Amino acid sequence: MTRVTVDANLRAKLHNLTETLVLCDEGGHVFGHFVPSADLSQWEPVSPDVSEEELDRRAKSDEPRYSTAEVLAHLSRLADRENG
């Protein structure tokens, strides 16, 4: 991988590298995209808002459950019917 050091002047031209950039030549032809690395210190983990009571209710429920393979097989059968 090639490493390029960016000085303060270029950094200012590139909007301080805080947003996604499209790099173009003088003719306007796109030759690259730059996506800045994320500062994860500004983010916190997200978890679903499901209470323990709700999880217990779901575990005890008589509602049918299907595996991923079962769902995919069902969708495949539906697509086969649709396509004739």
PDB file of N, CA and C in Angstrom:
ATOM      1  N   MET A   1       0.850  -1.169   0.000  1.00  0.00           N
ATOM      2  CA  MET A   1       0.000   0.000   0.000  1.00  0.00           C
ATOM      3  C   MET A   1       0.895   1.231   0.000  1.00  0.00           C
ATOM      4  N   THR A   2       0.478   2.222  -0.754  1.00  0.00           N
ATOM      5  CA  THR A   2       1.197   3.480  -0.804  1.00  0.00           C
ATOM      6  C   THR A   2       0.721   4.377   0.328  1.00  0.00           C
ATOM      7  N   ARG A   3       1.662   5.042   0.968  1.00  0.00           N
ATOM      8  CA  ARG A   3       1.331   5.946   2.074  1.00  0.00           C
ATOM      9  C   ARG A   3       1.692   7.360   1.649  1.00  0.00           C
ATOM     10  N   VAL A   4       0.759   8.296   1.830  1.00  0.00           N
ATOM     11  CA  VAL A   4       0.967   9.696   1.481  1.00  0.00           C
ATOM     12  C   VAL A   4       0.771  10.532   2.736  1.00  0.00           C
ATOM     13  N   THR A   5       1.723  11.406   3.021  1.00  0.00           N
ATOM     14  CA  THR A   5       1.589  12.316   4.152  1.00  0.00           C
ATOM     15  C   THR A   5       0.913  13.588   3.662  1.00  0.00           C
ATOM     16  N   VAL A   6      -0.131  14.006   4.344  1.00  0.00           N
ATOM     17  CA  VAL A   6      -0.917  15.171   3.942  1.00  0.00           C
ATOM     18  C   VAL A   6      -0.560  16.337   4.858  1.00  0.00           C
ATOM     19  N   ASP A   7      -0.110  17.449   4.252  1.00  0.00           N
ATOM     20  CA  ASP A   7       0.217  18.621   5.064  1.00  0.00           C
ATOM     21  C   ASP A   7      -1.053  19.427   5.360  1.00  0.00           C
ATOM     22  N   ALA A   8      -0.915  20.461   6.171  1.00  0.00           N
ATOM     23  CA  ALA A   8      -2.069  21.247   6.615  1.00  0.00           C
ATOM     24  C   ALA A   8      -2.804  21.908   5.447  1.00  0.00           C
ATOM     25  N   ASN A   9      -2.061  22.378   4.427  1.00  0.00           N
ATOM     26  CA  ASN A   9      -2.702  23.045   3.276  1.00  0.00           C
ATOM     27  C   ASN A   9      -3.582  22.080   2.498  1.00  0.00           C
ATOM     28  N   LEU A  10      -3.044  20.889   2.200  1.00  0.00           N
ATOM     29  CA  LEU A  10      -3.824  19.906   1.463  1.00  0.00           C
ATOM     30  C   LEU A  10      -4.996  19.417   2.311  1.00  0.00           C
ATOM     31  N   ARG A  11      -4.735  19.241   3.580  1.00  0.00           N
ATOM     32  CA  ARG A  11      -5.804  18.801   4.488  1.00  0.00           C
ATOM     33  C   ARG A  11      -6.967  19.792   4.473  1.00  0.00           C
ATOM     34  N   ALA A  12      -6.677  21.079   4.461  1.00  0.00           N
ATOM     35  CA  ALA A  12      -7.724  22.108   4.404  1.00  0.00           C
ATOM     36  C   ALA A  12      -8.498  22.015   3.090  1.00  0.00           C
ATOM     37  N   LYS A  13      -7.785  21.778   1.977  1.00  0.00           N
ATOM     38  CA  LYS A  13      -8.451  21.631   0.679  1.00  0.00           C
ATOM     39  C   LYS A  13      -9.364  20.407   0.656  1.00  0.00           C
ATOM     40  N   LEU A  14      -9.039  19.415   1.444  1.00  0.00           N
ATOM     41  CA  LEU A  14      -9.806  18.166   1.470  1.00  0.00           C
ATOM     42  C   LEU A  14     -10.829  18.172   2.609  1.00  0.00           C
ATOM     43  N   HIS A  15     -11.251  19.371   2.996  1.00  0.00           N
ATOM     44  CA  HIS A  15     -12.277  19.531   4.040  1.00  0.00           C
ATOM     45  C   HIS A  15     -11.864  18.851   5.337  1.00  0.00           C
ATOM     46  N   ASN A  16     -10.580  18.912   5.639  1.00  0.00           N
ATOM     47  CA  ASN A  16     -10.003  18.325   6.854  1.00  0.00           C
ATOM     48  C   ASN A  16     -10.254  16.829   6.976  1.00  0.00           C
ATOM     49  N   LEU A  17     -10.570  16.197   5.848  1.00  0.00           N
ATOM     50  CA  LEU A  17     -10.737  14.739   5.792  1.00  0.00           C
ATOM     51  C   LEU A  17     -11.783  14.240   6.784  1.00  0.00           C
ATOM     52  N   THR A  18     -12.865  15.000   6.935  1.00  0.00           N
ATOM     53  CA  THR A  18     -13.908  14.611   7.874  1.00  0.00           C
ATOM     54  C   THR A  18     -15.144  14.050   7.182  1.00  0.00           C
ATOM     55  N   GLU A  19     -15.156  14.059   5.851  1.00  0.00           N
ATOM     56  CA  GLU A  19     -16.298  13.524   5.119  1.00  0.00           C
ATOM     57  C   GLU A  19     -15.797  12.743   3.915  1.00  0.00           C
ATOM     58  N   THR A  20     -16.660  11.939   3.340  1.00  0.00           N
ATOM     59  CA  THR A  20     -16.285  11.159   2.164  1.00  0.00           C
ATOM     60  C   THR A  20     -15.961  12.110   1.013  1.00  0.00           C
ATOM     61  N   LEU A  21     -14.876  11.818   0.314  1.00  0.00           N
ATOM     62  CA  LEU A  21     -14.440  12.666  -0.798  1.00  0.00           C
ATOM     63  C   LEU A  21     -14.399  11.868  -2.091  1.00  0.00           C
ATOM     64  N   VAL A  22     -14.743  12.537  -3.188  1.00  0.00           N
ATOM     65  CA  VAL A  22     -14.567  11.973  -4.518  1.00  0.00           C
ATOM     66  C   VAL A  22     -13.389  12.723  -5.122  1.00  0.00           C
ATOM     67  N   LEU A  23     -12.371  12.003  -5.549  1.00  0.00           N
ATOM     68  CA  LEU A  23     -11.170  12.622  -6.117  1.00  0.00           C
ATOM     69  C   LEU A  23     -11.267  12.594  -7.644  1.00  0.00           C
ATOM     70  N   CYS A  24     -11.086  13.787  -8.272  1.00  0.00           N
ATOM     71  CA  CYS A  24     -11.205  13.925  -9.722  1.00  0.00           C
ATOM     72  C   CYS A  24      -9.949  14.578 -10.280  1.00  0.00           C
ATOM     73  N   ASP A  25      -9.674  14.286 -11.553  1.00  0.00           N
ATOM     74  CA  ASP A  25      -8.568  14.974 -12.213  1.00  0.00           C
ATOM     75  C   ASP A  25      -9.086  16.307 -12.757  1.00  0.00           C
ATOM     76  N   GLU A  26      -8.202  17.045 -13.463  1.00  0.00           N
ATOM     77  CA  GLU A  26      -8.578  18.359 -13.971  1.00  0.00           C
ATOM     78  C   GLU A  26      -9.744  18.296 -14.946  1.00  0.00           C
ATOM     79  N   GLY A  27      -9.930  17.164 -15.604  1.00  0.00           N
ATOM     80  CA  GLY A  27     -11.020  17.002 -16.564  1.00  0.00           C
ATOM     81  C   GLY A  27     -12.326  16.572 -15.916  1.00  0.00           C
ATOM     82  N   GLY A  28     -12.310  16.392 -14.610  1.00  0.00           N
ATOM     83  CA  GLY A  28     -13.518  16.001 -13.904  1.00  0.00           C
ATOM     84  C   GLY A  28     -13.747  14.506 -13.831  1.00  0.00           C
ATOM     85  N   HIS A  29     -12.767  13.726 -14.288  1.00  0.00           N
ATOM     86  CA  HIS A  29     -12.893  12.268 -14.264  1.00  0.00           C
ATOM     87  C   HIS A  29     -12.547  11.737 -12.873  1.00  0.00           C
ATOM     88  N   VAL A  30     -13.448  10.963 -12.334  1.00  0.00           N
ATOM     89  CA  VAL A  30     -13.248  10.403 -11.005  1.00  0.00           C
ATOM     90  C   VAL A  30     -12.149   9.345 -11.067  1.00  0.00           C
ATOM     91  N   PHE A  31     -11.177   9.462 -10.191  1.00  0.00           N
ATOM     92  CA  PHE A  31     -10.140   8.435 -10.125  1.00  0.00           C
ATOM     93  C   PHE A  31     -10.041   7.789  -8.756  1.00  0.00           C
ATOM     94  N   GLY A  32     -10.876   8.239  -7.828  1.00  0.00           N
ATOM     95  CA  GLY A  32     -10.838   7.600  -6.527  1.00  0.00           C
ATOM     96  C   GLY A  32     -11.851   8.172  -5.557  1.00  0.00           C
ATOM     97  N   HIS A  33     -12.033   7.423  -4.500  1.00  0.00           N
ATOM     98  CA  HIS A  33     -12.911   7.831  -3.408  1.00  0.00           C
ATOM     99  C   HIS A  33     -12.117   7.697  -2.119  1.00  0.00           C
ATOM    100  N   PHE A  34     -12.317   8.614  -1.219  1.00  0.00           N
ATOM    101  CA  PHE A  34     -11.652   8.551   0.070  1.00  0.00           C
ATOM    102  C   PHE A  34     -12.717   8.557   1.152  1.00  0.00           C
ATOM    103  N   VAL A  35     -12.654   7.578   2.025  1.00  0.00           N
ATOM    104  CA  VAL A  35     -13.570   7.505   3.164  1.00  0.00           C
ATOM    105  C   VAL A  35     -12.707   7.608   4.418  1.00  0.00           C
ATOM    106  N   PRO A  36     -12.889   8.668   5.193  1.00  0.00           N
ATOM    107  CA  PRO A  36     -12.047   8.841   6.380  1.00  0.00           C
ATOM    108  C   PRO A  36     -12.318   7.747   7.408  1.00  0.00           C
ATOM    109  N   SER A  37     -11.317   7.443   8.203  1.00  0.00           N
ATOM    110  CA  SER A  37     -11.509   6.450   9.255  1.00  0.00           C
ATOM    111  C   SER A  37     -12.424   7.045  10.315  1.00  0.00           C
ATOM    112  N   ALA A  38     -13.248   6.206  10.889  1.00  0.00           N
ATOM    113  CA  ALA A  38     -14.224   6.661  11.882  1.00  0.00           C
ATOM    114  C   ALA A  38     -13.563   6.791  13.244  1.00  0.00           C
ATOM    115  N   ASP A  39     -13.956   7.814  13.973  1.00  0.00           N
ATOM    116  CA  ASP A  39     -13.513   7.985  15.351  1.00  0.00           C
ATOM    117  C   ASP A  39     -14.564   7.320  16.236  1.00  0.00           C
ATOM    118  N   LEU A  40     -14.312   6.086  16.609  1.00  0.00           N
ATOM    119  CA  LEU A  40     -15.290   5.308  17.360  1.00  0.00           C
ATOM    120  C   LEU A  40     -15.495   5.806  18.780  1.00  0.00           C
ATOM    121  N   SER A  41     -14.645   6.727  19.239  1.00  0.00           N
ATOM    122  CA  SER A  41     -14.820   7.257  20.584  1.00  0.00           C
ATOM    123  C   SER A  41     -16.092   8.099  20.693  1.00  0.00           C
ATOM    124  N   GLN A  42     -16.613   8.549  19.554  1.00  0.00           N
ATOM    125  CA  GLN A  42     -17.822   9.362  19.554  1.00  0.00           C
ATOM    126  C   GLN A  42     -19.092   8.516  19.472  1.00  0.00           C
ATOM    127  N   TRP A  43     -18.951   7.213  19.412  1.00  0.00           N
ATOM    128  CA  TRP A  43     -20.092   6.310  19.280  1.00  0.00           C
ATOM    129  C   TRP A  43     -20.191   5.421  20.503  1.00  0.00           C
ATOM    130  N   GLU A  44     -21.369   4.975  20.775  1.00  0.00           N
ATOM    131  CA  GLU A  44     -21.537   4.010  21.853  1.00  0.00           C
ATOM    132  C   GLU A  44     -22.309   2.816  21.297  1.00  0.00           C
ATOM    133  N   PRO A  45     -22.106   1.655  21.886  1.00  0.00           N
ATOM    134  CA  PRO A  45     -22.776   0.463  21.376  1.00  0.00           C
ATOM    135  C   PRO A  45     -24.298   0.600  21.443  1.00  0.00           C
ATOM    136  N   VAL A  46     -24.951  -0.010  20.488  1.00  0.00           N
ATOM    137  CA  VAL A  46     -26.403   0.009  20.443  1.00  0.00           C
ATOM    138  C   VAL A  46     -26.906  -1.398  20.675  1.00  0.00           C
ATOM    139  N   SER A  47     -27.876  -1.520  21.521  1.00  0.00           N
ATOM    140  CA  SER A  47     -28.492  -2.823  21.742  1.00  0.00           C
ATOM    141  C   SER A  47     -30.001  -2.648  21.651  1.00  0.00           C
ATOM    142  N   PRO A  48     -30.708  -3.708  21.299  1.00  0.00           N
ATOM    143  CA  PRO A  48     -32.157  -3.570  21.158  1.00  0.00           C
ATOM    144  C   PRO A  48     -32.819  -3.261  22.494  1.00  0.00           C
ATOM    145  N   ASP A  49     -33.884  -2.498  22.430  1.00  0.00           N
ATOM    146  CA  ASP A  49     -34.651  -2.157  23.621  1.00  0.00           C
ATOM    147  C   ASP A  49     -35.675  -3.257  23.895  1.00  0.00           C
ATOM    148  N   VAL A  50     -35.211  -4.384  24.381  1.00  0.00           N
ATOM    149  CA  VAL A  50     -36.094  -5.502  24.699  1.00  0.00           C
ATOM    150  C   VAL A  50     -35.856  -5.851  26.165  1.00  0.00           C
ATOM    151  N   SER A  51     -36.919  -5.815  26.937  1.00  0.00           N
ATOM    152  CA  SER A  51     -36.790  -6.098  28.365  1.00  0.00           C
ATOM    153  C   SER A  51     -36.604  -7.596  28.602  1.00  0.00           C
ATOM    154  N   GLU A  52     -36.115  -7.920  29.775  1.00  0.00           N
ATOM    155  CA  GLU A  52     -35.974  -9.332  30.155  1.00  0.00           C
ATOM    156  C   GLU A  52     -37.328 -10.028  30.145  1.00  0.00           C
ATOM    157  N   GLU A  53     -38.366  -9.301  30.560  1.00  0.00           N
ATOM    158  CA  GLU A  53     -39.719  -9.870  30.572  1.00  0.00           C
ATOM    159  C   GLU A  53     -40.163 -10.245  29.161  1.00  0.00           C
ATOM    160  N   GLU A  54     -39.871  -9.360  28.200  1.00  0.00           N
ATOM    161  CA  GLU A  54     -40.243  -9.643  26.813  1.00  0.00           C
ATOM    162  C   GLU A  54     -39.467 -10.831  26.281  1.00  0.00           C
ATOM    163  N   LEU A  55     -38.195 -10.921  26.603  1.00  0.00           N
ATOM    164  CA  LEU A  55     -37.402 -12.072  26.167  1.00  0.00           C
ATOM    165  C   LEU A  55     -37.955 -13.363  26.760  1.00  0.00           C
ATOM    166  N   ASP A  56     -38.340 -13.338  28.023  1.00  0.00           N
ATOM    167  CA  ASP A  56     -38.943 -14.515  28.659  1.00  0.00           C
ATOM    168  C   ASP A  56     -40.262 -14.880  27.990  1.00  0.00           C
ATOM    169  N   ARG A  57     -41.090 -13.869  27.699  1.00  0.00           N
ATOM    170  CA  ARG A  57     -42.370 -14.121  27.045  1.00  0.00           C
ATOM    171  C   ARG A  57     -42.169 -14.796  25.698  1.00  0.00           C
ATOM    172  N   ARG A  58     -41.203 -14.295  24.933  1.00  0.00           N
ATOM    173  CA  ARG A  58     -40.921 -14.871  23.616  1.00  0.00           C
ATOM    174  C   ARG A  58     -40.425 -16.307  23.741  1.00  0.00           C
ATOM    175  N   ALA A  59     -39.600 -16.562  24.731  1.00  0.00           N
ATOM    176  CA  ALA A  59     -39.060 -17.911  24.919  1.00  0.00           C
ATOM    177  C   ALA A  59     -40.161 -18.904  25.275  1.00  0.00           C
ATOM    178  N   LYS A  60     -41.171 -18.446  26.006  1.00  0.00           N
ATOM    179  CA  LYS A  60     -42.262 -19.326  26.445  1.00  0.00           C
ATOM    180  C   LYS A  60     -43.418 -19.370  25.449  1.00  0.00           C
ATOM    181  N   SER A  61     -43.370 -18.568  24.421  1.00  0.00           N
ATOM    182  CA  SER A  61     -44.463 -18.436  23.468  1.00  0.00           C
ATOM    183  C   SER A  61     -44.651 -19.709  22.646  1.00  0.00           C
ATOM    184  N   ASP A  62     -45.898 -19.935  22.236  1.00  0.00           N
ATOM    185  CA  ASP A  62     -46.218 -21.064  21.347  1.00  0.00           C
ATOM    186  C   ASP A  62     -46.141 -20.659  19.880  1.00  0.00           C
ATOM    187  N   GLU A  63     -45.720 -19.438  19.627  1.00  0.00           N
ATOM    188  CA  GLU A  63     -45.616 -18.980  18.243  1.00  0.00           C
ATOM    189  C   GLU A  63     -44.594 -19.844  17.509  1.00  0.00           C
ATOM    190  N   PRO A  64     -44.880 -20.193  16.244  1.00  0.00           N
ATOM    191  CA  PRO A  64     -43.929 -21.036  15.513  1.00  0.00           C
ATOM    192  C   PRO A  64     -42.618 -20.293  15.265  1.00  0.00           C
ATOM    193  N   ARG A  65     -41.542 -21.053  15.247  1.00  0.00           N
ATOM    194  CA  ARG A  65     -40.215 -20.501  14.950  1.00  0.00           C
ATOM    195  C   ARG A  65     -39.659 -21.241  13.746  1.00  0.00           C
ATOM    196  N   TYR A  66     -38.889 -20.532  12.941  1.00  0.00           N
ATOM    197  CA  TYR A  66     -38.336 -21.118  11.730  1.00  0.00           C
ATOM    198  C   TYR A  66     -36.843 -20.820  11.665  1.00  0.00           C
ATOM    199  N   SER A  67     -36.092 -21.788  11.207  1.00  0.00           N
ATOM    200  CA  SER A  67     -34.658 -21.582  11.030  1.00  0.00           C
ATOM    201  C   SER A  67     -34.428 -20.762   9.764  1.00  0.00           C
ATOM    202  N   THR A  68     -33.233 -20.247   9.613  1.00  0.00           N
ATOM    203  CA  THR A  68     -32.893 -19.505   8.402  1.00  0.00           C
ATOM    204  C   THR A  68     -33.071 -20.388   7.178  1.00  0.00           C
ATOM    205  N   ALA A  69     -32.642 -21.644   7.270  1.00  0.00           N
ATOM    206  CA  ALA A  69     -32.765 -22.573   6.137  1.00  0.00           C
ATOM    207  C   ALA A  69     -34.236 -22.773   5.766  1.00  0.00           C
ATOM    208  N   GLU A  70     -35.103 -22.888   6.766  1.00  0.00           N
ATOM    209  CA  GLU A  70     -36.533 -23.064   6.494  1.00  0.00           C
ATOM    210  C   GLU A  70     -37.121 -21.829   5.809  1.00  0.00           C
ATOM    211  N   VAL A  71     -36.740 -20.666   6.258  1.00  0.00           N
ATOM    212  CA  VAL A  71     -37.237 -19.424   5.650  1.00  0.00           C
ATOM    213  C   VAL A  71     -36.755 -19.313   4.216  1.00  0.00           C
ATOM    214  N   LEU A  72     -35.482 -19.605   3.968  1.00  0.00           N
ATOM    215  CA  LEU A  72     -34.940 -19.524   2.616  1.00  0.00           C
ATOM    216  C   LEU A  72     -35.611 -20.531   1.689  1.00  0.00           C
ATOM    217  N   ALA A  73     -35.878 -21.733   2.185  1.00  0.00           N
ATOM    218  CA  ALA A  73     -36.562 -22.748   1.380  1.00  0.00           C
ATOM    219  C   ALA A  73     -37.969 -22.282   1.032  1.00  0.00           C
ATOM    220  N   HIS A  74     -38.659 -21.703   1.998  1.00  0.00           N
ATOM    221  CA  HIS A  74     -40.014 -21.192   1.753  1.00  0.00           C
ATOM    222  C   HIS A  74     -39.990 -20.079   0.704  1.00  0.00           C
ATOM    223  N   LEU A  75     -39.052 -19.147   0.831  1.00  0.00           N
ATOM    224  CA  LEU A  75     -38.938 -18.059  -0.141  1.00  0.00           C
ATOM    225  C   LEU A  75     -38.607 -18.591  -1.527  1.00  0.00           C
ATOM    226  N   SER A  76     -37.786 -19.614  -1.580  1.00  0.00           N
ATOM    227  CA  SER A  76     -37.438 -20.227  -2.858  1.00  0.00           C
ATOM    228  C   SER A  76     -38.671 -20.854  -3.514  1.00  0.00           C
ATOM    229  N   ARG A  77     -39.501 -21.539  -2.710  1.00  0.00           N
ATOM    230  CA  ARG A  77     -40.725 -22.132  -3.244  1.00  0.00           C
ATOM    231  C   ARG A  77     -41.676 -21.052  -3.763  1.00  0.00           C
ATOM    232  N   LEU A  78     -41.783 -19.946  -3.021  1.00  0.00           N
ATOM    233  CA  LEU A  78     -42.629 -18.836  -3.475  1.00  0.00           C
ATOM    234  C   LEU A  78     -42.121 -18.259  -4.798  1.00  0.00           C
ATOM    235  N   ALA A  79     -40.822 -18.110  -4.930  1.00  0.00           N
ATOM    236  CA  ALA A  79     -40.241 -17.573  -6.165  1.00  0.00           C
ATOM    237  C   ALA A  79     -40.474 -18.549  -7.321  1.00  0.00           C
ATOM    238  N   ASP A  80     -40.356 -19.849  -7.055  1.00  0.00           N
ATOM    239  CA  ASP A  80     -40.600 -20.846  -8.093  1.00  0.00           C
ATOM    240  C   ASP A  80     -42.041 -20.777  -8.588  1.00  0.00           C
ATOM    241  N   ARG A  81     -42.977 -20.601  -7.664  1.00  0.00           N
ATOM    242  CA  ARG A  81     -44.389 -20.484  -8.041  1.00  0.00           C
ATOM    243  C   ARG A  81     -44.618 -19.242  -8.894  1.00  0.00           C
ATOM    244  N   GLU A  82     -43.980 -18.149  -8.486  1.00  0.00           N
ATOM    245  CA  GLU A  82     -44.160 -16.879  -9.190  1.00  0.00           C
ATOM    246  C   GLU A  82     -43.582 -16.936 -10.605  1.00  0.00           C
ATOM    247  N   ASN A  83     -42.465 -17.651 -10.744  1.00  0.00           N
ATOM    248  CA  ASN A  83     -41.787 -17.725 -12.043  1.00  0.00           C
ATOM    249  C   ASN A  83     -42.318 -18.838 -12.913  1.00  0.00           C
ATOM    250  N   GLY A  84     -43.273 -19.575 -12.397  1.00  0.00           N
ATOM    251  CA  GLY A  84     -43.993 -20.539 -13.184  1.00  0.00           C
ATOM    252  C   GLY A  84     -43.414 -21.857 -13.338  1.00  0.00           C
TER     253      GLY A  84
END
